[in-house]
N, C-alpha and C. Protein backbone atom coordinates (compact mmCIF):
# COMPACT_ATOMS: atom_id res chain seq x y z
N UNK A 1 15.56 151.03 -118.27
CA UNK A 1 15.93 150.57 -119.57
C UNK A 1 17.38 149.98 -119.59
N UNK A 2 18.22 150.67 -118.84
CA UNK A 2 19.56 150.12 -118.69
C UNK A 2 19.64 148.92 -117.94
N UNK A 3 18.73 148.70 -116.91
CA UNK A 3 18.63 147.47 -116.14
C UNK A 3 18.20 146.38 -116.94
N UNK A 4 17.22 146.53 -117.83
CA UNK A 4 16.71 145.45 -118.71
C UNK A 4 17.82 144.92 -119.58
N UNK A 5 18.72 145.83 -120.15
CA UNK A 5 19.79 145.36 -121.13
C UNK A 5 20.76 144.53 -120.36
N UNK A 6 21.03 144.94 -119.15
CA UNK A 6 22.03 144.14 -118.37
C UNK A 6 21.35 142.76 -118.06
N UNK A 7 20.11 142.66 -117.72
CA UNK A 7 19.59 141.46 -117.36
C UNK A 7 19.62 140.49 -118.71
N UNK A 8 19.28 141.14 -119.86
CA UNK A 8 19.27 140.39 -121.11
C UNK A 8 20.68 139.87 -121.41
N UNK A 9 21.71 140.74 -121.19
CA UNK A 9 23.07 140.27 -121.48
C UNK A 9 23.50 139.09 -120.49
N UNK A 10 23.17 139.16 -119.27
CA UNK A 10 23.45 138.14 -118.28
C UNK A 10 22.78 136.87 -118.63
N UNK A 11 21.49 136.94 -119.06
CA UNK A 11 20.85 135.63 -119.54
C UNK A 11 21.44 135.10 -120.74
N UNK A 12 21.91 135.94 -121.61
CA UNK A 12 22.55 135.51 -122.91
C UNK A 12 23.83 134.79 -122.61
N UNK A 13 24.69 135.33 -121.70
CA UNK A 13 25.85 134.69 -121.22
C UNK A 13 25.65 133.40 -120.53
N UNK A 14 24.67 133.37 -119.67
CA UNK A 14 24.20 132.11 -118.98
C UNK A 14 23.76 131.07 -119.90
N UNK A 15 23.01 131.35 -120.98
CA UNK A 15 22.55 130.37 -121.92
C UNK A 15 23.75 129.83 -122.78
N UNK A 16 24.67 130.79 -123.17
CA UNK A 16 25.87 130.36 -123.86
C UNK A 16 26.65 129.45 -123.11
N UNK A 17 26.91 129.72 -121.76
CA UNK A 17 27.65 128.77 -120.90
C UNK A 17 27.13 127.51 -120.70
N UNK A 18 25.69 127.54 -120.70
CA UNK A 18 24.96 126.17 -120.53
C UNK A 18 25.15 125.32 -121.76
N UNK A 19 25.07 126.02 -122.92
CA UNK A 19 25.28 125.17 -124.25
C UNK A 19 26.71 124.71 -124.33
N UNK A 20 27.66 125.53 -123.93
CA UNK A 20 29.06 125.03 -123.96
C UNK A 20 29.15 123.80 -123.02
N UNK A 21 28.61 123.86 -121.89
CA UNK A 21 28.72 122.70 -120.87
C UNK A 21 27.99 121.45 -121.45
N UNK A 22 26.84 121.63 -122.12
CA UNK A 22 26.19 120.48 -122.67
C UNK A 22 27.08 119.89 -123.85
N UNK A 23 27.72 120.74 -124.70
CA UNK A 23 28.60 120.19 -125.63
C UNK A 23 29.71 119.46 -125.11
N UNK A 24 30.30 120.04 -124.03
CA UNK A 24 31.47 119.27 -123.47
C UNK A 24 31.05 117.87 -122.97
N UNK A 25 29.96 117.94 -122.27
CA UNK A 25 29.27 116.70 -121.66
C UNK A 25 28.98 115.65 -122.83
N UNK A 26 28.47 116.08 -123.89
CA UNK A 26 28.11 115.22 -125.00
C UNK A 26 29.48 114.57 -125.62
N UNK A 27 30.42 115.43 -125.62
CA UNK A 27 31.84 114.96 -126.12
C UNK A 27 32.33 113.85 -125.27
N UNK A 28 32.22 114.10 -123.84
CA UNK A 28 32.75 113.16 -122.97
C UNK A 28 32.04 111.89 -122.95
N UNK A 29 30.69 111.93 -123.05
CA UNK A 29 29.86 110.80 -122.94
C UNK A 29 30.08 109.83 -124.21
N UNK A 30 30.22 110.59 -125.39
CA UNK A 30 30.45 109.77 -126.67
C UNK A 30 31.93 109.33 -126.86
N UNK A 31 32.76 109.53 -125.83
CA UNK A 31 34.14 109.18 -125.94
C UNK A 31 34.90 109.86 -127.00
N UNK A 32 34.46 110.94 -127.38
CA UNK A 32 35.25 111.85 -128.35
C UNK A 32 35.82 112.97 -127.65
N UNK A 33 37.09 113.28 -127.79
CA UNK A 33 37.74 114.37 -127.35
C UNK A 33 38.47 115.06 -128.24
N UNK A 34 37.86 116.12 -128.92
CA UNK A 34 38.55 116.83 -130.01
C UNK A 34 39.79 117.56 -129.49
N UNK A 35 39.93 117.74 -128.24
CA UNK A 35 41.01 118.58 -127.71
C UNK A 35 42.31 117.78 -127.43
N UNK A 36 42.32 116.44 -127.54
CA UNK A 36 43.52 115.66 -127.23
C UNK A 36 43.73 114.79 -128.43
N UNK A 37 44.73 115.13 -129.27
CA UNK A 37 45.06 114.33 -130.40
C UNK A 37 46.43 113.66 -130.05
N UNK A 38 46.34 112.50 -129.36
CA UNK A 38 47.51 111.90 -128.84
C UNK A 38 48.23 110.92 -129.97
N UNK A 39 49.47 111.10 -130.11
CA UNK A 39 50.31 110.15 -130.94
C UNK A 39 50.60 108.97 -130.15
N UNK A 40 51.11 107.92 -130.78
CA UNK A 40 51.47 106.78 -130.18
C UNK A 40 51.89 105.60 -131.12
N UNK A 41 51.83 104.48 -130.72
CA UNK A 41 52.24 103.46 -131.58
C UNK A 41 51.07 102.51 -132.00
N UNK A 42 51.18 101.93 -133.20
CA UNK A 42 49.95 101.22 -133.65
C UNK A 42 50.22 99.70 -133.46
N UNK A 43 49.09 99.10 -133.05
CA UNK A 43 49.05 97.63 -132.85
C UNK A 43 47.83 97.04 -133.47
N UNK A 44 47.99 95.93 -134.10
CA UNK A 44 46.78 95.34 -134.79
C UNK A 44 46.36 93.99 -134.08
N UNK A 45 45.13 93.57 -134.30
CA UNK A 45 44.60 92.36 -133.76
C UNK A 45 43.52 91.89 -134.71
N UNK A 46 43.34 90.58 -134.87
CA UNK A 46 42.16 90.00 -135.64
C UNK A 46 41.25 89.38 -134.74
N UNK A 47 39.89 89.60 -135.00
CA UNK A 47 38.91 88.97 -134.29
C UNK A 47 37.89 88.38 -135.21
N UNK A 48 37.22 87.22 -134.80
CA UNK A 48 36.29 86.55 -135.62
C UNK A 48 35.01 87.37 -135.70
N UNK A 49 34.63 88.09 -134.52
CA UNK A 49 33.47 88.97 -134.46
C UNK A 49 33.77 90.13 -133.57
N UNK A 50 33.55 91.36 -134.02
CA UNK A 50 33.81 92.55 -133.22
C UNK A 50 32.52 93.15 -132.60
N UNK A 51 31.37 92.45 -132.89
CA UNK A 51 30.09 92.96 -132.41
C UNK A 51 29.88 94.47 -132.72
N UNK A 52 29.68 95.27 -131.80
CA UNK A 52 29.42 96.69 -132.01
C UNK A 52 30.60 97.65 -131.79
N UNK A 53 31.83 97.11 -131.87
CA UNK A 53 33.06 97.85 -131.58
C UNK A 53 33.15 98.95 -132.78
N UNK A 54 33.61 100.13 -132.37
CA UNK A 54 33.60 101.18 -133.38
C UNK A 54 34.97 101.86 -133.28
N UNK A 55 35.32 102.64 -134.34
CA UNK A 55 36.50 103.44 -134.26
C UNK A 55 36.30 104.43 -133.14
N UNK A 56 37.39 104.78 -132.44
CA UNK A 56 37.42 105.61 -131.25
C UNK A 56 37.06 104.83 -129.96
N UNK A 57 36.66 103.67 -130.07
CA UNK A 57 36.35 102.90 -128.79
C UNK A 57 37.70 102.70 -127.96
N UNK A 58 37.44 102.62 -126.64
CA UNK A 58 38.64 102.66 -125.80
C UNK A 58 39.36 101.32 -125.79
N UNK A 59 40.69 101.36 -125.62
CA UNK A 59 41.53 100.24 -125.33
C UNK A 59 42.06 100.39 -123.94
N UNK A 60 41.80 99.34 -123.14
CA UNK A 60 42.26 99.55 -121.73
C UNK A 60 42.86 98.33 -121.15
N UNK A 61 43.59 98.51 -120.06
CA UNK A 61 44.06 97.49 -119.15
C UNK A 61 43.63 97.81 -117.71
N UNK A 62 42.96 96.73 -117.15
CA UNK A 62 42.50 96.98 -115.73
C UNK A 62 41.62 98.22 -115.57
N UNK A 63 40.97 98.59 -116.58
CA UNK A 63 40.02 99.76 -116.48
C UNK A 63 40.74 101.00 -116.75
N UNK A 64 42.04 101.13 -117.01
CA UNK A 64 42.81 102.33 -117.42
C UNK A 64 42.84 102.40 -118.89
N UNK A 65 42.34 103.53 -119.44
CA UNK A 65 42.39 103.68 -120.89
C UNK A 65 43.89 103.93 -121.31
N UNK A 66 44.30 103.14 -122.22
CA UNK A 66 45.76 103.26 -122.74
C UNK A 66 45.76 103.66 -124.22
N UNK A 67 44.61 103.63 -124.83
CA UNK A 67 44.55 104.01 -126.26
C UNK A 67 43.20 103.95 -126.78
N UNK A 68 43.05 103.93 -128.17
CA UNK A 68 41.81 104.03 -128.91
C UNK A 68 41.92 103.09 -130.12
N UNK A 69 40.76 102.69 -130.60
CA UNK A 69 40.66 101.93 -131.89
C UNK A 69 40.69 102.98 -132.94
N UNK A 70 41.71 102.87 -133.76
CA UNK A 70 41.99 103.78 -134.90
C UNK A 70 41.33 103.42 -136.25
N UNK A 71 41.17 102.15 -136.46
CA UNK A 71 40.57 101.63 -137.75
C UNK A 71 40.04 100.28 -137.62
N UNK A 72 39.05 99.96 -138.37
CA UNK A 72 38.54 98.62 -138.36
C UNK A 72 38.41 98.17 -139.89
N UNK A 73 39.08 97.06 -140.22
CA UNK A 73 39.00 96.56 -141.66
C UNK A 73 38.51 95.12 -141.67
N UNK A 74 38.52 94.60 -142.85
CA UNK A 74 38.13 93.16 -143.04
C UNK A 74 39.22 92.49 -143.84
N UNK A 75 39.69 91.38 -143.32
CA UNK A 75 40.70 90.56 -144.06
C UNK A 75 39.98 89.57 -144.90
N UNK A 76 40.06 89.70 -146.24
CA UNK A 76 39.36 88.81 -147.06
C UNK A 76 39.84 87.53 -147.29
N UNK A 77 41.06 87.20 -146.76
CA UNK A 77 41.64 85.80 -146.79
C UNK A 77 41.14 85.01 -145.68
N UNK A 78 41.25 85.61 -144.42
CA UNK A 78 41.00 84.94 -143.28
C UNK A 78 39.51 85.10 -142.84
N UNK A 79 38.83 86.03 -143.43
CA UNK A 79 37.39 86.27 -143.11
C UNK A 79 37.20 86.75 -141.74
N UNK A 80 38.16 87.57 -141.29
CA UNK A 80 38.04 88.16 -139.90
C UNK A 80 38.25 89.62 -139.91
N UNK A 81 37.79 90.28 -138.86
CA UNK A 81 37.92 91.76 -138.66
C UNK A 81 39.26 92.06 -138.20
N UNK A 82 39.98 93.09 -138.75
CA UNK A 82 41.27 93.51 -138.43
C UNK A 82 41.10 94.88 -137.65
N UNK A 83 41.50 94.86 -136.36
CA UNK A 83 41.31 96.18 -135.58
C UNK A 83 42.64 96.71 -135.41
N UNK A 84 42.80 98.05 -135.80
CA UNK A 84 44.01 98.71 -135.56
C UNK A 84 43.87 99.64 -134.38
N UNK A 85 44.68 99.67 -133.41
CA UNK A 85 44.67 100.41 -132.22
C UNK A 85 45.84 101.28 -132.10
N UNK A 86 45.67 102.50 -131.67
CA UNK A 86 46.73 103.51 -131.32
C UNK A 86 46.86 103.57 -129.93
N UNK A 87 48.09 103.09 -129.37
CA UNK A 87 48.38 103.01 -127.97
C UNK A 87 49.24 104.23 -127.55
N UNK A 88 48.88 104.83 -126.49
CA UNK A 88 49.68 106.01 -125.98
C UNK A 88 51.08 105.59 -125.70
N UNK A 89 52.05 106.41 -126.11
CA UNK A 89 53.47 106.04 -126.04
C UNK A 89 53.99 105.78 -124.67
N UNK A 90 53.29 106.38 -123.60
CA UNK A 90 53.80 106.10 -122.24
C UNK A 90 53.49 104.63 -121.78
N UNK A 91 52.64 103.96 -122.57
CA UNK A 91 52.43 102.47 -122.26
C UNK A 91 53.26 101.65 -123.25
N UNK A 92 54.54 101.79 -123.20
CA UNK A 92 55.31 101.07 -124.21
C UNK A 92 55.92 99.75 -123.67
N UNK A 93 55.60 99.27 -122.56
CA UNK A 93 56.08 98.12 -121.98
C UNK A 93 55.04 96.94 -121.91
N UNK A 94 54.24 96.80 -122.95
CA UNK A 94 53.37 95.81 -123.05
C UNK A 94 54.01 94.56 -123.65
N UNK A 95 53.96 93.28 -123.02
CA UNK A 95 54.61 92.25 -123.48
C UNK A 95 54.05 91.75 -124.85
N UNK A 96 54.83 91.05 -125.65
CA UNK A 96 54.45 90.60 -127.01
C UNK A 96 53.32 89.51 -126.88
N UNK A 97 53.22 88.84 -125.77
CA UNK A 97 52.13 87.88 -125.63
C UNK A 97 50.90 88.24 -124.95
N UNK A 98 50.82 89.70 -124.98
CA UNK A 98 49.52 90.34 -124.55
C UNK A 98 48.27 89.85 -125.27
N UNK A 99 47.22 89.55 -124.60
CA UNK A 99 45.99 89.15 -125.27
C UNK A 99 44.99 90.26 -125.35
N UNK A 100 44.04 90.27 -126.32
CA UNK A 100 43.12 91.27 -126.39
C UNK A 100 41.67 90.65 -126.46
N UNK A 101 40.79 91.21 -125.78
CA UNK A 101 39.36 90.74 -125.79
C UNK A 101 38.40 91.92 -126.03
N UNK A 102 37.25 91.63 -126.49
CA UNK A 102 36.28 92.63 -126.63
C UNK A 102 35.15 92.51 -125.55
N UNK A 103 34.98 93.52 -124.79
CA UNK A 103 34.08 93.54 -123.71
C UNK A 103 33.02 94.63 -123.89
N UNK A 104 31.89 94.46 -123.12
CA UNK A 104 30.86 95.54 -123.19
C UNK A 104 30.77 96.23 -121.78
N UNK A 105 30.72 97.52 -121.75
CA UNK A 105 30.59 98.24 -120.51
C UNK A 105 29.46 99.27 -120.52
N UNK A 106 29.13 99.70 -119.32
CA UNK A 106 28.14 100.73 -119.25
C UNK A 106 26.71 100.35 -119.53
N UNK A 107 25.86 101.32 -119.26
CA UNK A 107 24.45 101.04 -119.48
C UNK A 107 24.07 101.04 -120.90
N UNK A 108 24.75 101.74 -121.74
CA UNK A 108 24.54 101.97 -123.06
C UNK A 108 25.09 100.78 -123.93
N UNK A 109 25.88 99.97 -123.30
CA UNK A 109 26.54 98.81 -123.85
C UNK A 109 27.57 99.03 -124.82
N UNK A 110 28.28 100.12 -124.54
CA UNK A 110 29.44 100.45 -125.48
C UNK A 110 30.50 99.34 -125.31
N UNK A 111 31.11 99.06 -126.44
CA UNK A 111 32.12 97.94 -126.40
C UNK A 111 33.62 98.64 -126.45
N UNK A 112 34.46 97.86 -125.84
CA UNK A 112 35.92 98.32 -125.86
C UNK A 112 36.74 97.13 -125.84
N UNK A 113 38.08 97.40 -126.07
CA UNK A 113 39.04 96.23 -126.10
C UNK A 113 39.79 96.28 -124.77
N UNK A 114 39.83 95.13 -124.10
CA UNK A 114 40.69 95.02 -122.96
C UNK A 114 41.91 94.11 -123.15
N UNK A 115 43.02 94.66 -122.78
CA UNK A 115 44.32 93.95 -122.87
C UNK A 115 44.58 93.18 -121.55
N UNK A 116 45.12 92.07 -121.69
CA UNK A 116 45.64 91.19 -120.49
C UNK A 116 47.12 90.98 -120.80
N UNK A 117 48.04 91.65 -120.01
CA UNK A 117 49.48 91.51 -120.36
C UNK A 117 49.84 90.04 -120.10
N UNK A 118 50.83 89.59 -120.92
CA UNK A 118 51.38 88.27 -120.73
C UNK A 118 52.74 88.33 -119.87
N UNK A 119 53.57 87.35 -120.17
CA UNK A 119 54.80 87.38 -119.26
C UNK A 119 56.10 87.47 -120.07
N UNK A 120 55.99 87.76 -121.44
CA UNK A 120 57.27 87.78 -122.25
C UNK A 120 58.05 88.94 -121.86
N UNK A 121 59.34 88.82 -122.11
CA UNK A 121 60.27 89.98 -121.77
C UNK A 121 60.47 90.90 -122.96
N UNK A 122 59.98 90.55 -124.11
CA UNK A 122 60.01 91.47 -125.31
C UNK A 122 58.71 92.24 -125.29
N UNK A 123 58.69 93.47 -125.85
CA UNK A 123 57.56 94.33 -125.74
C UNK A 123 57.01 94.65 -127.04
N UNK A 124 55.68 95.00 -127.17
CA UNK A 124 55.02 95.36 -128.39
C UNK A 124 55.68 96.68 -128.88
N UNK A 125 55.85 96.83 -130.26
CA UNK A 125 56.22 97.97 -130.83
C UNK A 125 55.33 98.42 -132.00
N UNK A 126 55.61 99.50 -132.60
CA UNK A 126 54.72 99.95 -133.62
C UNK A 126 54.68 99.01 -134.86
N UNK A 127 53.45 98.67 -135.21
CA UNK A 127 53.16 97.73 -136.33
C UNK A 127 53.01 96.26 -135.94
N UNK A 128 53.20 95.89 -134.62
CA UNK A 128 53.16 94.57 -134.19
C UNK A 128 51.67 94.10 -134.13
N UNK A 129 51.47 92.74 -134.21
CA UNK A 129 50.21 92.15 -134.26
C UNK A 129 50.00 91.31 -132.94
N UNK A 130 48.75 91.47 -132.27
CA UNK A 130 48.42 90.64 -131.15
C UNK A 130 47.79 89.44 -131.71
N UNK A 131 48.26 88.25 -131.33
CA UNK A 131 47.75 87.02 -131.86
C UNK A 131 46.82 86.36 -130.96
N UNK A 132 46.76 86.60 -129.73
CA UNK A 132 45.82 86.06 -128.70
C UNK A 132 44.65 86.91 -128.63
N UNK A 133 43.55 86.64 -129.28
CA UNK A 133 42.37 87.47 -129.15
C UNK A 133 41.04 86.69 -128.76
N UNK A 134 40.09 87.36 -128.19
CA UNK A 134 38.78 86.76 -127.89
C UNK A 134 37.84 87.67 -128.43
N UNK A 135 36.83 87.20 -129.25
CA UNK A 135 35.81 88.01 -129.90
C UNK A 135 34.81 88.43 -129.03
N UNK A 136 33.99 89.38 -129.46
CA UNK A 136 32.84 89.83 -128.69
C UNK A 136 31.76 88.74 -128.49
N UNK A 137 31.09 88.75 -127.41
CA UNK A 137 30.02 87.81 -127.20
C UNK A 137 28.76 88.52 -127.77
N UNK A 138 28.15 87.89 -128.72
CA UNK A 138 27.03 88.43 -129.33
C UNK A 138 25.73 87.81 -128.67
N UNK A 139 24.95 88.61 -128.20
CA UNK A 139 23.74 88.23 -127.31
C UNK A 139 22.84 87.40 -128.11
N UNK A 140 22.63 87.76 -129.42
CA UNK A 140 21.70 86.96 -130.28
C UNK A 140 22.19 85.40 -130.44
N UNK A 141 23.42 85.33 -130.57
CA UNK A 141 24.08 83.97 -130.80
C UNK A 141 23.86 83.17 -129.40
N UNK A 142 24.06 83.80 -128.26
CA UNK A 142 23.93 83.05 -127.00
C UNK A 142 22.53 82.60 -126.82
N UNK A 143 21.56 83.55 -127.07
CA UNK A 143 20.18 83.31 -126.82
C UNK A 143 19.73 82.18 -127.87
N UNK A 144 20.21 82.22 -129.14
CA UNK A 144 19.92 81.18 -130.18
C UNK A 144 20.42 79.74 -129.64
N UNK A 145 21.64 79.75 -129.11
CA UNK A 145 22.23 78.57 -128.74
C UNK A 145 21.41 77.95 -127.52
N UNK A 146 21.00 78.84 -126.58
CA UNK A 146 20.19 78.34 -125.38
C UNK A 146 18.89 77.89 -125.77
N UNK A 147 18.15 78.54 -126.75
CA UNK A 147 16.87 78.10 -127.25
C UNK A 147 17.00 76.79 -128.08
N UNK A 148 18.11 76.64 -128.90
CA UNK A 148 18.35 75.45 -129.54
C UNK A 148 18.54 74.23 -128.58
N UNK A 149 19.43 74.43 -127.55
CA UNK A 149 19.56 73.43 -126.68
C UNK A 149 18.37 72.90 -125.86
N UNK A 150 17.48 73.95 -125.60
CA UNK A 150 16.22 73.63 -124.92
C UNK A 150 15.30 72.87 -125.81
N UNK A 151 15.38 73.29 -127.04
CA UNK A 151 14.51 72.57 -128.04
C UNK A 151 14.90 71.15 -128.31
N UNK A 152 16.24 70.91 -128.29
CA UNK A 152 16.78 69.59 -128.40
C UNK A 152 16.49 68.80 -127.14
N UNK A 153 16.56 69.39 -125.99
CA UNK A 153 16.14 68.54 -124.86
C UNK A 153 14.78 68.10 -124.78
N UNK A 154 13.83 69.07 -125.24
CA UNK A 154 12.43 68.86 -125.26
C UNK A 154 12.06 67.77 -126.24
N UNK A 155 12.81 67.79 -127.42
CA UNK A 155 12.47 66.83 -128.52
C UNK A 155 13.01 65.33 -128.00
N UNK A 156 14.17 65.30 -127.29
CA UNK A 156 14.68 64.01 -126.93
C UNK A 156 13.84 63.37 -125.85
N UNK A 157 13.19 64.21 -125.08
CA UNK A 157 12.48 63.66 -123.85
C UNK A 157 11.12 62.98 -124.32
N UNK A 158 10.57 63.45 -125.46
CA UNK A 158 9.34 62.97 -125.95
C UNK A 158 9.43 61.57 -126.54
């Protein structure tokens, strides 16, 4: 009887540890980390099209994550998406002519913002705006342009 209770307790502990490990894995895969609330400075950029970019998407330079997307809004005057990013304070030497592009990574096609530092001697600070941006490449538009160009070539040849 005592041996059965010990086995049941060990199985319960094993199952609880497995569920905790799965939860941590899910948080890591979804780019959510509830245990690190990093402060930093805020930078904004405007894009014509952000594709599937989401709040909490990574902001990186050369593959190193330096921040996260903190908000996405729409500018009703310019008809563009305004992306607000929170940059880790230890990356405080980004030149003011840094450019921002939206890229796709991984098998799941998650999107992130990649920075390309410029050569200015002044650095971005809280509230600055990045003016050099490149929007996301939307696969549907690329396929549509390809099909349209092929249809035009076929019609001109006849």
